[in-house]
Amino acid sequence: MRSLLSKVAVGLVFVFGGGLWAASAVADDVAHKVVIQVSTDDERTQKIALNNAVNIQKSLGVDEVKIEIVAYGPGLGLMTTAGKQSQRVADLVLQDITFSACNNTIKKITKKKGAAPKLVEGVGIVDSGAVRIIELQQQGYAYIRP
C-alpha cells in the first residue's frame, strides 16, 4: 500500500510539476530579460543606454533576450520626436526593443508646457517609470542604469 501511495504521489508531482514548468516556460520564452533605466537628459548617457541594448541583443541573440528601456524624468526626452536619438529609437523599436515612457513625467511636461511631448512611434506609455522598473525586476529582469 505504501509503495502504491508513493507511486501515486510521484506521478502527481510529475504531472502537475510538469504542467507548472510548461506554463513557466511559456511565460519566460527567452533566456534573458533586461530593463535599462534612462532618467537623465545627458546625451552621452542616453547613447550608452541605446548602445547597451544593441550590444546585449547582438551578444545574446535577438531571440534569446527581451529588452525594455524605461525613461522617466529628464530621460523622457530620449523617446520624443524632438530628441536627438529619435531616429535611432524608431529603428530599435523595429528590432524588438521595447521602449516605455513614464506617464507621470508626460503629465508634468504637459502641465508645464501646455502640450504633451510627441513620442516616437512605437514607444509605449506606463503609469510610472519607477514602478515599471520595480515590476520588471520582480519578473526576473536584470537591471542596468548607464
Protein backbone atom coordinates (compact mmCIF):
# COMPACT_ATOMS: atom_id res chain seq x y z
CA MET A 1 0.00 0.00 0.00
CA ARG A 2 2.81 2.41 0.92
CA SER A 3 4.50 1.66 -2.41
CA LEU A 4 1.30 2.43 -4.30
CA LEU A 5 0.87 5.75 -2.46
CA SER A 6 4.48 6.66 -3.21
CA LYS A 7 3.98 5.94 -6.92
CA VAL A 8 0.77 7.99 -7.00
CA ALA A 9 2.48 10.90 -5.21
CA VAL A 10 5.43 10.80 -7.60
CA GLY A 11 3.03 10.64 -10.54
CA LEU A 12 1.08 13.66 -9.31
CA VAL A 13 4.25 15.66 -8.80
CA PHE A 14 5.38 14.72 -12.30
CA VAL A 15 2.04 15.61 -13.90
CA PHE A 16 1.37 18.83 -12.01
CA GLY A 17 5.02 19.84 -11.68
CA GLY A 18 5.50 19.32 -15.41
CA GLY A 19 2.43 21.43 -16.11
CA LEU A 20 3.76 24.22 -13.92
CA TRP A 21 7.13 24.01 -15.64
CA ALA A 22 5.46 24.17 -19.04
CA ALA A 23 3.44 27.24 -18.01
CA SER A 24 6.62 28.83 -16.70
CA ALA A 25 8.44 28.05 -19.94
CA VAL A 26 5.69 29.74 -21.95
CA ALA A 27 5.75 32.83 -19.72
CA ASP A 28 9.54 33.08 -19.91
CA ASP A 29 10.11 32.27 -23.56
CA VAL A 30 13.51 33.97 -23.61
CA ALA A 31 16.66 33.07 -21.72
CA HIS A 32 17.48 36.63 -20.66
CA LYS A 33 15.45 39.72 -19.71
CA VAL A 34 16.93 43.19 -19.22
CA VAL A 35 15.49 46.54 -18.17
CA ILE A 36 17.54 49.67 -18.84
CA GLN A 37 16.74 52.87 -16.93
CA VAL A 38 17.09 56.29 -18.56
CA SER A 39 16.39 59.14 -16.16
CA THR A 40 18.84 61.78 -17.33
CA ASP A 41 18.85 64.21 -20.24
CA ASP A 42 22.60 63.71 -20.65
CA GLU A 43 23.02 62.82 -24.33
CA ARG A 44 26.11 60.70 -23.73
CA THR A 45 24.35 58.59 -21.10
CA GLN A 46 21.33 58.16 -23.37
CA LYS A 47 23.57 56.94 -26.20
CA ILE A 48 25.23 54.50 -23.80
CA ALA A 49 21.80 53.12 -22.84
CA LEU A 50 20.96 52.53 -26.50
CA ASN A 51 24.41 51.04 -27.15
CA ASN A 52 23.94 48.71 -24.16
CA ALA A 53 20.66 47.47 -25.62
CA VAL A 54 22.14 46.88 -29.08
CA ASN A 55 25.26 45.17 -27.73
CA ILE A 56 23.26 42.91 -25.40
CA GLN A 57 20.97 41.93 -28.25
CA LYS A 58 23.93 41.21 -30.56
CA SER A 59 25.79 39.23 -27.92
CA LEU A 60 22.89 37.10 -26.67
CA GLY A 61 20.82 36.95 -29.85
CA VAL A 62 17.53 38.66 -30.66
CA ASP A 63 15.53 35.53 -29.87
CA GLU A 64 17.31 34.96 -26.55
CA VAL A 65 16.82 38.31 -24.84
CA LYS A 66 13.93 40.66 -24.09
CA ILE A 67 15.00 44.27 -23.54
CA GLU A 68 12.89 47.12 -22.22
CA ILE A 69 14.19 50.67 -21.91
CA VAL A 70 12.21 52.73 -19.39
CA ALA A 71 12.50 56.53 -19.39
CA TYR A 72 11.24 58.98 -16.81
CA GLY A 73 12.03 62.46 -15.55
CA PRO A 74 14.60 64.25 -17.72
CA GLY A 75 15.28 60.96 -19.53
CA LEU A 76 11.92 61.09 -21.29
CA GLY A 77 13.42 63.32 -23.99
CA LEU A 78 15.15 60.24 -25.40
CA MET A 79 11.79 58.91 -26.55
CA THR A 80 10.35 62.09 -28.05
CA THR A 81 10.36 63.07 -31.70
CA ALA A 82 12.32 66.19 -30.70
CA GLY A 83 15.08 64.08 -29.14
CA LYS A 84 18.46 63.80 -30.85
CA GLN A 85 18.20 59.99 -30.81
CA SER A 86 14.61 59.82 -32.14
CA GLN A 87 15.50 58.02 -35.39
CA ARG A 88 17.67 55.53 -33.55
CA VAL A 89 14.85 54.85 -31.07
CA ALA A 90 12.45 54.30 -34.00
CA ASP A 91 14.92 51.87 -35.58
CA LEU A 92 15.38 49.94 -32.33
CA VAL A 93 11.61 49.62 -31.86
CA LEU A 94 11.68 47.68 -35.14
CA GLN A 95 14.43 45.45 -33.72
CA ASP A 96 12.21 44.16 -30.88
CA ILE A 97 13.48 46.51 -28.19
CA THR A 98 10.61 47.81 -26.05
CA PHE A 99 10.53 51.48 -25.04
CA SER A 100 8.33 52.64 -22.16
CA ALA A 101 7.71 56.30 -21.31
CA CYS A 102 6.53 57.43 -17.87
CA ASN A 103 3.05 58.93 -17.90
CA ASN A 104 3.73 60.85 -14.66
CA THR A 105 6.52 62.68 -16.48
CA ILE A 106 4.35 63.23 -19.55
CA LYS A 107 1.64 64.81 -17.35
CA LYS A 108 4.17 67.14 -15.69
CA ILE A 109 5.59 68.25 -19.04
CA THR A 110 2.08 68.76 -20.42
CA LYS A 111 1.09 70.90 -17.43
CA LYS A 112 4.29 72.95 -17.61
CA LYS A 113 4.40 73.47 -21.40
CA GLY A 114 0.70 73.30 -22.23
CA ALA A 115 1.19 70.41 -24.66
CA ALA A 116 2.15 66.77 -24.36
CA PRO A 117 5.52 65.73 -25.75
CA LYS A 118 5.22 63.79 -29.01
CA LEU A 119 6.63 60.30 -28.58
CA VAL A 120 8.46 58.33 -31.24
CA GLU A 121 6.12 55.87 -32.94
CA GLY A 122 6.15 52.53 -31.15
CA VAL A 123 7.03 53.92 -27.73
CA GLY A 124 4.60 52.70 -25.07
CA ILE A 125 3.36 54.56 -22.02
CA VAL A 126 3.42 53.22 -18.46
CA ASP A 127 1.82 54.86 -15.42
CA SER A 128 5.11 55.25 -13.58
CA GLY A 129 8.59 54.61 -14.92
CA ALA A 130 10.00 53.79 -11.50
CA VAL A 131 7.17 51.36 -10.74
CA ARG A 132 7.61 49.72 -14.16
CA ILE A 133 11.26 49.04 -13.33
CA ILE A 134 10.25 47.51 -9.99
CA GLU A 135 7.67 45.30 -11.71
CA LEU A 136 10.17 44.11 -14.30
CA GLN A 137 12.78 43.34 -11.65
CA GLN A 138 10.19 41.30 -9.77
CA GLN A 139 9.66 39.36 -13.01
CA GLY A 140 13.35 38.48 -13.13
CA TYR A 141 14.70 41.25 -15.35
CA ALA A 142 18.33 42.23 -14.89
CA TYR A 143 18.67 45.97 -14.17
CA ILE A 144 21.08 48.31 -15.94
CA ARG A 145 21.48 52.03 -15.39
CA PRO A 146 24.24 53.54 -17.51
